[in-house]
Full PDB file with SEQRES, HELIX, SHEET, SSBOND, CRYST1, ORIGX, SCALE, CONECT and MASTER records, all heavy atoms in Angstrom:
SEQRES   1 A   40  LEU THR GLU LEU LEU SER GLN LYS GLY TYR ASP MET MET          
SEQRES   2 A   40  GLY VAL ASP ASN SER PRO GLU MET LEU GLU ILE ALA MET          
SEQRES   3 A   40  GLU LYS ARG GLU GLU SER GLY SER GLY ILE LEU TYR LEU          
SEQRES   4 A   40  LEU                                                          
HELIX    1 AA1 THR A    2  GLN A    7  1                                   6    
HELIX    2 AA2 PRO A   19  SER A   32  1                                  14    
SHEET    1 AA1 2 MET A  13  VAL A  15  0                                        
SHEET    2 AA1 2 LEU A  37  LEU A  39  1                                        
CRYST1    1.000    1.000    1.000  90.00  90.00  90.00 P 1           1          
ORIGX1      1.000000  0.000000  0.000000        0.00000                         
ORIGX2      0.000000  1.000000  0.000000        0.00000                         
ORIGX3      0.000000  0.000000  1.000000        0.00000                         
SCALE1      1.000000  0.000000  0.000000        0.00000                         
SCALE2      0.000000  1.000000  0.000000        0.00000                         
SCALE3      0.000000  0.000000  1.000000        0.00000                         
ATOM      1  N   LEU A   1      -5.985  -1.228   4.979  1.00  0.00           N  
ATOM      2  CA  LEU A   1      -5.759  -2.458   5.680  1.00  0.00           C  
ATOM      3  C   LEU A   1      -4.333  -2.917   5.394  1.00  0.00           C  
ATOM      4  O   LEU A   1      -3.730  -3.554   6.150  1.00  0.00           O  
ATOM      5  CB  LEU A   1      -6.866  -3.591   5.291  1.00  0.00           C  
ATOM      6  CG  LEU A   1      -6.773  -4.907   5.906  1.00  0.00           C  
ATOM      7  CD1 LEU A   1      -6.893  -4.797   7.414  1.00  0.00           C  
ATOM      8  CD2 LEU A   1      -7.744  -5.879   5.212  1.00  0.00           C  
ATOM      9  N   THR A   2      -4.019  -2.734   4.100  1.00  0.00           N  
ATOM     10  CA  THR A   2      -2.495  -3.160   3.642  1.00  0.00           C  
ATOM     11  C   THR A   2      -1.581  -2.498   4.642  1.00  0.00           C  
ATOM     12  O   THR A   2      -0.622  -3.146   4.992  1.00  0.00           O  
ATOM     13  CB  THR A   2      -2.335  -2.717   2.340  1.00  0.00           C  
ATOM     14  OG1 THR A   2      -3.539  -2.741   1.475  1.00  0.00           O  
ATOM     15  CG2 THR A   2      -1.278  -3.653   1.508  1.00  0.00           C  
ATOM     16  N   GLU A   3      -1.725  -1.216   4.893  1.00  0.00           N  
ATOM     17  CA  GLU A   3      -0.742  -0.602   5.695  1.00  0.00           C  
ATOM     18  C   GLU A   3      -0.852  -1.114   7.146  1.00  0.00           C  
ATOM     19  O   GLU A   3       0.277  -1.311   7.814  1.00  0.00           O  
ATOM     20  CB  GLU A   3      -1.097   0.972   5.830  1.00  0.00           C  
ATOM     21  CG  GLU A   3      -0.682   1.775   4.495  1.00  0.00           C  
ATOM     22  CD  GLU A   3       0.882   1.952   4.518  1.00  0.00           C  
ATOM     23  OE1 GLU A   3       1.515   1.763   5.492  1.00  0.00           O  
ATOM     24  OE2 GLU A   3       1.375   2.548   3.486  1.00  0.00           O  
ATOM     25  N   LEU A   4      -1.962  -1.411   7.775  1.00  0.00           N  
ATOM     26  CA  LEU A   4      -2.210  -1.973   9.098  1.00  0.00           C  
ATOM     27  C   LEU A   4      -1.489  -3.386   9.150  1.00  0.00           C  
ATOM     28  O   LEU A   4      -0.707  -3.583  10.150  1.00  0.00           O  
ATOM     29  CB  LEU A   4      -3.569  -2.038   9.449  1.00  0.00           C  
ATOM     30  CG  LEU A   4      -4.299  -0.825   9.730  1.00  0.00           C  
ATOM     31  CD1 LEU A   4      -5.822  -0.967   9.905  1.00  0.00           C  
ATOM     32  CD2 LEU A   4      -3.770   0.000  10.861  1.00  0.00           C  
ATOM     33  N   LEU A   5      -1.569  -4.142   8.149  1.00  0.00           N  
ATOM     34  CA  LEU A   5      -0.994  -5.440   8.080  1.00  0.00           C  
ATOM     35  C   LEU A   5       0.570  -5.337   8.011  1.00  0.00           C  
ATOM     36  O   LEU A   5       1.327  -6.106   8.528  1.00  0.00           O  
ATOM     37  CB  LEU A   5      -1.488  -6.375   7.097  1.00  0.00           C  
ATOM     38  CG  LEU A   5      -2.889  -6.901   7.411  1.00  0.00           C  
ATOM     39  CD1 LEU A   5      -3.480  -7.466   6.182  1.00  0.00           C  
ATOM     40  CD2 LEU A   5      -2.891  -7.875   8.549  1.00  0.00           C  
ATOM     41  N   SER A   6       0.984  -4.218   7.289  1.00  0.00           N  
ATOM     42  CA  SER A   6       2.399  -4.070   7.145  1.00  0.00           C  
ATOM     43  C   SER A   6       2.994  -3.569   8.437  1.00  0.00           C  
ATOM     44  O   SER A   6       4.099  -4.066   8.926  1.00  0.00           O  
ATOM     45  CB  SER A   6       2.629  -2.970   6.033  1.00  0.00           C  
ATOM     46  OG  SER A   6       4.050  -2.596   6.044  1.00  0.00           O  
ATOM     47  N   GLN A   7       2.220  -2.871   9.189  1.00  0.00           N  
ATOM     48  CA  GLN A   7       2.671  -2.488  10.604  1.00  0.00           C  
ATOM     49  C   GLN A   7       2.715  -3.677  11.519  1.00  0.00           C  
ATOM     50  O   GLN A   7       3.445  -3.682  12.505  1.00  0.00           O  
ATOM     51  CB  GLN A   7       1.634  -1.390  11.128  1.00  0.00           C  
ATOM     52  CG  GLN A   7       1.806  -0.027  10.465  1.00  0.00           C  
ATOM     53  CD  GLN A   7       0.489   0.887  10.886  1.00  0.00           C  
ATOM     54  OE1 GLN A   7      -0.049   0.707  11.900  1.00  0.00           O  
ATOM     55  NE2 GLN A   7       0.285   1.859   9.984  1.00  0.00           N  
ATOM     56  N   LYS A   8       1.915  -4.618  11.242  1.00  0.00           N  
ATOM     57  CA  LYS A   8       2.141  -5.946  12.089  1.00  0.00           C  
ATOM     58  C   LYS A   8       3.351  -6.681  11.752  1.00  0.00           C  
ATOM     59  O   LYS A   8       3.607  -7.652  12.461  1.00  0.00           O  
ATOM     60  CB  LYS A   8       0.826  -6.896  11.701  1.00  0.00           C  
ATOM     61  CG  LYS A   8      -0.520  -6.420  12.319  1.00  0.00           C  
ATOM     62  CD  LYS A   8      -0.440  -6.759  13.710  1.00  0.00           C  
ATOM     63  CE  LYS A   8      -1.956  -6.526  14.329  1.00  0.00           C  
ATOM     64  NZ  LYS A   8      -1.929  -6.843  15.845  1.00  0.00           N  
ATOM     65  N   GLY A   9       4.020  -6.266  10.643  1.00  0.00           N  
ATOM     66  CA  GLY A   9       5.218  -6.996  10.269  1.00  0.00           C  
ATOM     67  C   GLY A   9       5.204  -7.809   9.090  1.00  0.00           C  
ATOM     68  O   GLY A   9       6.096  -8.412   8.501  1.00  0.00           O  
ATOM     69  N   TYR A  10       4.013  -7.828   8.426  1.00  0.00           N  
ATOM     70  CA  TYR A  10       3.875  -8.603   7.170  1.00  0.00           C  
ATOM     71  C   TYR A  10       4.498  -8.034   6.041  1.00  0.00           C  
ATOM     72  O   TYR A  10       4.381  -6.763   5.834  1.00  0.00           O  
ATOM     73  CB  TYR A  10       2.432  -9.010   6.806  1.00  0.00           C  
ATOM     74  CG  TYR A  10       1.874  -9.973   7.964  1.00  0.00           C  
ATOM     75  CD1 TYR A  10       0.965  -9.458   8.916  1.00  0.00           C  
ATOM     76  CD2 TYR A  10       2.052 -11.281   7.785  1.00  0.00           C  
ATOM     77  CE1 TYR A  10       0.402 -10.411   9.771  1.00  0.00           C  
ATOM     78  CE2 TYR A  10       1.512 -12.208   8.835  1.00  0.00           C  
ATOM     79  CZ  TYR A  10       0.651 -11.711   9.622  1.00  0.00           C  
ATOM     80  OH  TYR A  10       0.135 -12.630  10.679  1.00  0.00           O  
ATOM     81  N   ASP A  11       5.113  -8.743   5.094  1.00  0.00           N  
ATOM     82  CA  ASP A  11       5.671  -8.352   3.858  1.00  0.00           C  
ATOM     83  C   ASP A  11       4.538  -8.197   2.853  1.00  0.00           C  
ATOM     84  O   ASP A  11       4.093  -9.166   2.339  1.00  0.00           O  
ATOM     85  CB  ASP A  11       6.649  -9.208   3.309  1.00  0.00           C  
ATOM     86  CG  ASP A  11       7.461  -8.714   2.189  1.00  0.00           C  
ATOM     87  OD1 ASP A  11       7.309  -7.533   1.665  1.00  0.00           O  
ATOM     88  OD2 ASP A  11       8.433  -9.333   1.685  1.00  0.00           O  
ATOM     89  N   MET A  12       3.932  -7.039   2.516  1.00  0.00           N  
ATOM     90  CA  MET A  12       2.714  -6.669   1.883  1.00  0.00           C  
ATOM     91  C   MET A  12       2.830  -6.394   0.463  1.00  0.00           C  
ATOM     92  O   MET A  12       3.756  -5.619   0.024  1.00  0.00           O  
ATOM     93  CB  MET A  12       1.818  -5.710   2.537  1.00  0.00           C  
ATOM     94  CG  MET A  12       1.484  -6.027   4.050  1.00  0.00           C  
ATOM     95  SD  MET A  12       0.501  -7.530   4.116  1.00  0.00           S  
ATOM     96  CE  MET A  12      -0.946  -7.023   3.119  1.00  0.00           C  
ATOM     97  N   MET A  13       1.917  -6.781  -0.400  1.00  0.00           N  
ATOM     98  CA  MET A  13       1.704  -6.327  -1.724  1.00  0.00           C  
ATOM     99  C   MET A  13       0.212  -6.024  -1.839  1.00  0.00           C  
ATOM    100  O   MET A  13      -0.568  -6.585  -1.088  1.00  0.00           O  
ATOM    101  CB  MET A  13       2.011  -7.403  -2.774  1.00  0.00           C  
ATOM    102  CG  MET A  13       3.395  -7.922  -2.728  1.00  0.00           C  
ATOM    103  SD  MET A  13       3.593  -9.356  -3.876  1.00  0.00           S  
ATOM    104  CE  MET A  13       2.954  -8.812  -5.418  1.00  0.00           C  
ATOM    105  N   GLY A  14      -0.069  -5.131  -2.702  1.00  0.00           N  
ATOM    106  CA  GLY A  14      -1.446  -4.751  -3.026  1.00  0.00           C  
ATOM    107  C   GLY A  14      -1.824  -4.774  -4.487  1.00  0.00           C  
ATOM    108  O   GLY A  14      -1.098  -4.383  -5.324  1.00  0.00           O  
ATOM    109  N   VAL A  15      -2.943  -5.308  -4.905  1.00  0.00           N  
ATOM    110  CA  VAL A  15      -3.516  -5.266  -6.217  1.00  0.00           C  
ATOM    111  C   VAL A  15      -4.843  -4.541  -6.308  1.00  0.00           C  
ATOM    112  O   VAL A  15      -5.698  -4.859  -5.515  1.00  0.00           O  
ATOM    113  CB  VAL A  15      -3.501  -6.616  -6.830  1.00  0.00           C  
ATOM    114  CG1 VAL A  15      -4.345  -6.741  -8.099  1.00  0.00           C  
ATOM    115  CG2 VAL A  15      -2.229  -7.213  -7.157  1.00  0.00           C  
ATOM    116  N   ASP A  16      -4.979  -3.634  -7.207  1.00  0.00           N  
ATOM    117  CA  ASP A  16      -6.367  -3.038  -7.528  1.00  0.00           C  
ATOM    118  C   ASP A  16      -6.424  -2.650  -8.757  1.00  0.00           C  
ATOM    119  O   ASP A  16      -5.433  -2.247  -9.407  1.00  0.00           O  
ATOM    120  CB  ASP A  16      -6.547  -1.749  -6.415  1.00  0.00           C  
ATOM    121  CG  ASP A  16      -7.971  -1.602  -6.207  1.00  0.00           C  
ATOM    122  OD1 ASP A  16      -8.664  -0.783  -7.063  1.00  0.00           O  
ATOM    123  OD2 ASP A  16      -8.584  -2.068  -5.207  1.00  0.00           O  
ATOM    124  N   ASN A  17      -7.621  -2.478  -9.319  1.00  0.00           N  
ATOM    125  CA  ASN A  17      -7.832  -2.054 -10.672  1.00  0.00           C  
ATOM    126  C   ASN A  17      -8.273  -0.487 -10.884  1.00  0.00           C  
ATOM    127  O   ASN A  17      -8.585  -0.040 -11.943  1.00  0.00           O  
ATOM    128  CB  ASN A  17      -8.753  -2.916 -11.507  1.00  0.00           C  
ATOM    129  CG  ASN A  17     -10.287  -2.623 -10.942  1.00  0.00           C  
ATOM    130  OD1 ASN A  17     -10.444  -2.148  -9.939  1.00  0.00           O  
ATOM    131  ND2 ASN A  17     -11.205  -2.972 -11.886  1.00  0.00           N  
ATOM    132  N   SER A  18      -8.253   0.190  -9.773  1.00  0.00           N  
ATOM    133  CA  SER A  18      -8.551   1.608  -9.785  1.00  0.00           C  
ATOM    134  C   SER A  18      -7.304   2.483  -9.529  1.00  0.00           C  
ATOM    135  O   SER A  18      -6.721   2.510  -8.478  1.00  0.00           O  
ATOM    136  CB  SER A  18      -9.530   1.990  -8.624  1.00  0.00           C  
ATOM    137  OG  SER A  18      -9.549   3.406  -8.454  1.00  0.00           O  
ATOM    138  N   PRO A  19      -6.833   3.190 -10.591  1.00  0.00           N  
ATOM    139  CA  PRO A  19      -5.638   3.971 -10.452  1.00  0.00           C  
ATOM    140  C   PRO A  19      -5.845   5.029  -9.398  1.00  0.00           C  
ATOM    141  O   PRO A  19      -4.876   5.457  -8.763  1.00  0.00           O  
ATOM    142  CB  PRO A  19      -5.425   4.629 -11.826  1.00  0.00           C  
ATOM    143  CG  PRO A  19      -6.706   4.402 -12.612  1.00  0.00           C  
ATOM    144  CD  PRO A  19      -7.399   3.205 -11.969  1.00  0.00           C  
ATOM    145  N   GLU A  20      -7.072   5.567  -9.348  1.00  0.00           N  
ATOM    146  CA  GLU A  20      -7.355   6.715  -8.248  1.00  0.00           C  
ATOM    147  C   GLU A  20      -7.237   6.127  -6.877  1.00  0.00           C  
ATOM    148  O   GLU A  20      -6.596   6.798  -6.034  1.00  0.00           O  
ATOM    149  CB  GLU A  20      -8.734   7.128  -8.548  1.00  0.00           C  
ATOM    150  CG  GLU A  20      -8.871   7.989  -9.837  1.00  0.00           C  
ATOM    151  CD  GLU A  20      -9.353   7.083 -11.012  1.00  0.00           C  
ATOM    152  OE1 GLU A  20      -9.478   5.783 -10.775  1.00  0.00           O  
ATOM    153  OE2 GLU A  20      -9.488   7.564 -12.097  1.00  0.00           O  
ATOM    154  N   MET A  21      -7.680   4.904  -6.657  1.00  0.00           N  
ATOM    155  CA  MET A  21      -7.492   4.350  -5.295  1.00  0.00           C  
ATOM    156  C   MET A  21      -6.126   3.972  -4.982  1.00  0.00           C  
ATOM    157  O   MET A  21      -5.609   4.330  -3.913  1.00  0.00           O  
ATOM    158  CB  MET A  21      -8.388   3.065  -5.111  1.00  0.00           C  
ATOM    159  CG  MET A  21      -9.863   3.247  -5.343  1.00  0.00           C  
ATOM    160  SD  MET A  21     -10.723   4.111  -4.007  1.00  0.00           S  
ATOM    161  CE  MET A  21     -11.207   2.673  -3.068  1.00  0.00           C  
ATOM    162  N   LEU A  22      -5.320   3.456  -6.057  1.00  0.00           N  
ATOM    163  CA  LEU A  22      -3.963   3.124  -5.870  1.00  0.00           C  
ATOM    164  C   LEU A  22      -3.041   4.491  -5.525  1.00  0.00           C  
ATOM    165  O   LEU A  22      -2.021   4.517  -4.808  1.00  0.00           O  
ATOM    166  CB  LEU A  22      -3.484   2.339  -6.900  1.00  0.00           C  
ATOM    167  CG  LEU A  22      -3.793   0.805  -7.034  1.00  0.00           C  
ATOM    168  CD1 LEU A  22      -3.173   0.173  -8.123  1.00  0.00           C  
ATOM    169  CD2 LEU A  22      -3.412   0.166  -5.661  1.00  0.00           C  
ATOM    170  N   GLU A  23      -3.491   5.591  -6.095  1.00  0.00           N  
ATOM    171  CA  GLU A  23      -2.813   6.713  -6.041  1.00  0.00           C  
ATOM    172  C   GLU A  23      -2.844   7.210  -4.565  1.00  0.00           C  
ATOM    173  O   GLU A  23      -1.842   7.607  -4.001  1.00  0.00           O  
ATOM    174  CB  GLU A  23      -3.426   7.892  -6.892  1.00  0.00           C  
ATOM    175  CG  GLU A  23      -2.685   9.176  -6.745  1.00  0.00           C  
ATOM    176  CD  GLU A  23      -3.264  10.340  -7.677  1.00  0.00           C  
ATOM    177  OE1 GLU A  23      -4.102   9.919  -8.442  1.00  0.00           O  
ATOM    178  OE2 GLU A  23      -2.859  11.440  -7.473  1.00  0.00           O  
ATOM    179  N   ILE A  24      -3.937   7.018  -3.876  1.00  0.00           N  
ATOM    180  CA  ILE A  24      -4.013   7.294  -2.429  1.00  0.00           C  
ATOM    181  C   ILE A  24      -3.270   6.357  -1.708  1.00  0.00           C  
ATOM    182  O   ILE A  24      -2.617   6.724  -0.703  1.00  0.00           O  
ATOM    183  CB  ILE A  24      -5.526   7.320  -2.099  1.00  0.00           C  
ATOM    184  CG1 ILE A  24      -6.303   8.484  -2.881  1.00  0.00           C  
ATOM    185  CG2 ILE A  24      -5.574   7.605  -0.550  1.00  0.00           C  
ATOM    186  CD1 ILE A  24      -7.723   8.515  -2.726  1.00  0.00           C  
ATOM    187  N   ALA A  25      -3.312   5.044  -2.003  1.00  0.00           N  
ATOM    188  CA  ALA A  25      -2.529   3.973  -1.272  1.00  0.00           C  
ATOM    189  C   ALA A  25      -1.063   4.346  -1.281  1.00  0.00           C  
ATOM    190  O   ALA A  25      -0.337   4.235  -0.293  1.00  0.00           O  
ATOM    191  CB  ALA A  25      -2.785   2.683  -1.891  1.00  0.00           C  
ATOM    192  N   MET A  26      -0.583   4.782  -2.471  1.00  0.00           N  
ATOM    193  CA  MET A  26       0.876   5.108  -2.658  1.00  0.00           C  
ATOM    194  C   MET A  26       1.194   6.473  -1.828  1.00  0.00           C  
ATOM    195  O   MET A  26       2.277   6.636  -1.425  1.00  0.00           O  
ATOM    196  CB  MET A  26       1.278   5.227  -4.092  1.00  0.00           C  
ATOM    197  CG  MET A  26       1.181   3.865  -4.796  1.00  0.00           C  
ATOM    198  SD  MET A  26       1.887   3.802  -6.518  1.00  0.00           S  
ATOM    199  CE  MET A  26       0.392   4.607  -7.262  1.00  0.00           C  
ATOM    200  N   GLU A  27       0.252   7.337  -1.637  1.00  0.00           N  
ATOM    201  CA  GLU A  27       0.431   8.466  -0.914  1.00  0.00           C  
ATOM    202  C   GLU A  27       0.686   8.056   0.524  1.00  0.00           C  
ATOM    203  O   GLU A  27       1.557   8.572   1.287  1.00  0.00           O  
ATOM    204  CB  GLU A  27      -0.739   9.441  -1.006  1.00  0.00           C  
ATOM    205  CG  GLU A  27      -0.774  10.229  -2.216  1.00  0.00           C  
ATOM    206  CD  GLU A  27      -2.070  11.083  -2.469  1.00  0.00           C  
ATOM    207  OE1 GLU A  27      -2.897  11.033  -1.442  1.00  0.00           O  
ATOM    208  OE2 GLU A  27      -2.250  11.520  -3.474  1.00  0.00           O  
ATOM    209  N   LYS A  28      -0.134   7.099   1.064  1.00  0.00           N  
ATOM    210  CA  LYS A  28      -0.084   6.566   2.347  1.00  0.00           C  
ATOM    211  C   LYS A  28       1.355   5.877   2.539  1.00  0.00           C  
ATOM    212  O   LYS A  28       1.944   5.972   3.594  1.00  0.00           O  
ATOM    213  CB  LYS A  28      -1.173   5.624   2.696  1.00  0.00           C  
ATOM    214  CG  LYS A  28      -2.557   6.179   2.818  1.00  0.00           C  
ATOM    215  CD  LYS A  28      -3.545   5.240   3.011  1.00  0.00           C  
ATOM    216  CE  LYS A  28      -5.042   5.859   3.007  1.00  0.00           C  
ATOM    217  NZ  LYS A  28      -6.062   4.910   3.158  1.00  0.00           N  
ATOM    218  N   ARG A  29       1.807   5.093   1.516  1.00  0.00           N  
ATOM    219  CA  ARG A  29       3.109   4.403   1.563  1.00  0.00           C  
ATOM    220  C   ARG A  29       4.097   5.419   1.730  1.00  0.00           C  
ATOM    221  O   ARG A  29       5.097   5.090   2.519  1.00  0.00           O  
ATOM    222  CB  ARG A  29       3.184   3.533   0.275  1.00  0.00           C  
ATOM    223  CG  ARG A  29       4.632   2.919   0.175  1.00  0.00           C  
ATOM    224  CD  ARG A  29       4.783   2.178  -1.187  1.00  0.00           C  
ATOM    225  NE  ARG A  29       4.716   3.102  -2.239  1.00  0.00           N  
ATOM    226  CZ  ARG A  29       4.766   2.708  -3.502  1.00  0.00           C  
ATOM    227  NH1 ARG A  29       4.728   1.509  -3.854  1.00  0.00           N  
ATOM    228  NH2 ARG A  29       4.898   3.657  -4.439  1.00  0.00           N  
ATOM    229  N   GLU A  30       4.151   6.523   0.997  1.00  0.00           N  
ATOM    230  CA  GLU A  30       5.151   7.652   1.131  1.00  0.00           C  
ATOM    231  C   GLU A  30       5.286   8.107   2.499  1.00  0.00           C  
ATOM    232  O   GLU A  30       6.277   8.325   3.008  1.00  0.00           O  
ATOM    233  CB  GLU A  30       4.901   8.611   0.024  1.00  0.00           C  
ATOM    234  CG  GLU A  30       5.930   9.769   0.013  1.00  0.00           C  
ATOM    235  CD  GLU A  30       5.753  10.792  -1.196  1.00  0.00           C  
ATOM    236  OE1 GLU A  30       4.826  10.567  -1.910  1.00  0.00           O  
ATOM    237  OE2 GLU A  30       6.480  11.681  -1.222  1.00  0.00           O  
ATOM    238  N   GLU A  31       4.029   8.370   3.082  1.00  0.00           N  
ATOM    239  CA  GLU A  31       4.052   8.924   4.409  1.00  0.00           C  
ATOM    240  C   GLU A  31       4.371   7.948   5.565  1.00  0.00           C  
ATOM    241  O   GLU A  31       5.207   8.364   6.436  1.00  0.00           O  
ATOM    242  CB  GLU A  31       2.577   9.268   4.700  1.00  0.00           C  
ATOM    243  CG  GLU A  31       2.462   9.904   6.119  1.00  0.00           C  
ATOM    244  CD  GLU A  31       0.977  10.433   6.323  1.00  0.00           C  
ATOM    245  OE1 GLU A  31       0.310  10.509   5.401  1.00  0.00           O  
ATOM    246  OE2 GLU A  31       0.720  10.775   7.536  1.00  0.00           O  
ATOM    247  N   SER A  32       4.113   6.593   5.316  1.00  0.00           N  
ATOM    248  CA  SER A  32       4.616   5.679   6.249  1.00  0.00           C  
ATOM    249  C   SER A  32       5.938   5.064   6.043  1.00  0.00           C  
ATOM    250  O   SER A  32       6.607   4.534   7.008  1.00  0.00           O  
ATOM    251  CB  SER A  32       3.587   4.409   6.277  1.00  0.00           C  
ATOM    252  OG  SER A  32       3.658   3.742   5.145  1.00  0.00           O  
ATOM    253  N   GLY A  33       6.475   5.105   4.749  1.00  0.00           N  
ATOM    254  CA  GLY A  33       7.747   4.509   4.473  1.00  0.00           C  
ATOM    255  C   GLY A  33       7.641   2.965   4.571  1.00  0.00           C  
ATOM    256  O   GLY A  33       8.596   2.250   4.706  1.00  0.00           O  
ATOM    257  N   SER A  34       6.415   2.473   4.281  1.00  0.00           N  
ATOM    258  CA  SER A  34       6.174   0.907   4.449  1.00  0.00           C  
ATOM    259  C   SER A  34       6.983   0.100   3.278  1.00  0.00           C  
ATOM    260  O   SER A  34       7.261  -0.940   3.547  1.00  0.00           O  
ATOM    261  CB  SER A  34       4.700   0.592   4.447  1.00  0.00           C  
ATOM    262  OG  SER A  34       4.132   1.025   3.164  1.00  0.00           O  
ATOM    263  N   GLY A  35       7.050   0.697   2.158  1.00  0.00           N  
ATOM    264  CA  GLY A  35       7.614  -0.019   1.022  1.00  0.00           C  
ATOM    265  C   GLY A  35       6.774  -1.092   0.493  1.00  0.00           C  
ATOM    266  O   GLY A  35       7.204  -1.940  -0.226  1.00  0.00           O  
ATOM    267  N   ILE A  36       5.462  -0.922   0.573  1.00  0.00           N  
ATOM    268  CA  ILE A  36       4.469  -1.961   0.077  1.00  0.00           C  
ATOM    269  C   ILE A  36       4.484  -1.867  -1.483  1.00  0.00           C  
ATOM    270  O   ILE A  36       4.578  -0.567  -2.010  1.00  0.00           O  
ATOM    271  CB  ILE A  36       3.028  -1.589   0.581  1.00  0.00           C  
ATOM    272  CG1 ILE A  36       2.948  -1.776   2.048  1.00  0.00           C  
ATOM    273  CG2 ILE A  36       1.981  -2.454  -0.181  1.00  0.00           C  
ATOM    274  CD1 ILE A  36       1.646  -1.267   2.624  1.00  0.00           C  
ATOM    275  N   LEU A  37       4.531  -2.868  -2.160  1.00  0.00           N  
ATOM    276  CA  LEU A  37       4.326  -2.964  -3.586  1.00  0.00           C  
ATOM    277  C   LEU A  37       3.018  -2.870  -4.045  1.00  0.00           C  
ATOM    278  O   LEU A  37       2.266  -3.821  -3.661  1.00  0.00           O  
ATOM    279  CB  LEU A  37       5.090  -4.176  -4.152  1.00  0.00           C  
ATOM    280  CG  LEU A  37       5.013  -4.425  -5.745  1.00  0.00           C  
ATOM    281  CD1 LEU A  37       5.738  -3.387  -6.506  1.00  0.00           C  
ATOM    282  CD2 LEU A  37       5.591  -5.783  -6.033  1.00  0.00           C  
ATOM    283  N   TYR A  38       2.632  -1.919  -4.893  1.00  0.00           N  
ATOM    284  CA  TYR A  38       1.162  -1.854  -5.455  1.00  0.00           C  
ATOM    285  C   TYR A  38       1.237  -2.124  -6.975  1.00  0.00           C  
ATOM    286  O   TYR A  38       2.171  -1.592  -7.528  1.00  0.00           O  
ATOM    287  CB  TYR A  38       0.640  -0.480  -5.049  1.00  0.00           C  
ATOM    288  CG  TYR A  38       0.192  -0.330  -3.667  1.00  0.00           C  
ATOM    289  CD1 TYR A  38       0.915   0.477  -2.784  1.00  0.00           C  
ATOM    290  CD2 TYR A  38      -0.836  -1.096  -3.079  1.00  0.00           C  
ATOM    291  CE1 TYR A  38       0.677   0.737  -1.447  1.00  0.00           C  
ATOM    292  CE2 TYR A  38      -1.174  -0.946  -1.772  1.00  0.00           C  
ATOM    293  CZ  TYR A  38      -0.443  -0.055  -0.885  1.00  0.00           C  
ATOM    294  OH  TYR A  38      -0.850  -0.029   0.360  1.00  0.00           O  
ATOM    295  N   LEU A  39       0.285  -2.839  -7.348  1.00  0.00           N  
ATOM    296  CA  LEU A  39       0.160  -3.234  -8.725  1.00  0.00           C  
ATOM    297  C   LEU A  39      -1.186  -2.853  -9.313  1.00  0.00           C  
ATOM    298  O   LEU A  39      -2.226  -3.183  -8.654  1.00  0.00           O  
ATOM    299  CB  LEU A  39       0.336  -4.705  -8.967  1.00  0.00           C  
ATOM    300  CG  LEU A  39       1.734  -5.348  -8.571  1.00  0.00           C  
ATOM    301  CD1 LEU A  39       1.709  -6.853  -8.636  1.00  0.00           C  
ATOM    302  CD2 LEU A  39       3.001  -4.695  -9.401  1.00  0.00           C  
ATOM    303  N   LEU A  40      -1.279  -2.160 -10.422  1.00  0.00           N  
ATOM    304  CA  LEU A  40      -2.483  -1.738 -11.038  1.00  0.00           C  
ATOM    305  C   LEU A  40      -2.858  -2.873 -11.958  1.00  0.00           C  
ATOM    306  O   LEU A  40      -2.376  -3.007 -13.081  1.00  0.00           O  
ATOM    307  CB  LEU A  40      -2.414  -0.478 -11.759  1.00  0.00           C  
ATOM    308  CG  LEU A  40      -3.646   0.027 -12.611  1.00  0.00           C  
ATOM    309  CD1 LEU A  40      -4.755   0.292 -11.625  1.00  0.00           C  
ATOM    310  CD2 LEU A  40      -3.225   1.169 -13.424  1.00  0.00           C  
TER     311      LEU A  40                                                      
MASTER        0    0    0    2    2    0    0    6  310    1    0    4          
END                                                                             
């Protein structure tokens, strides 16, 4: 959802307490080039 809202043009950040979930989120960021800031 973070990526979809970024595609809408929002300046996005994401917070989660699962390093495994955030690792996948950052893989998506690398693929999309969205530049979303993720915080564990």
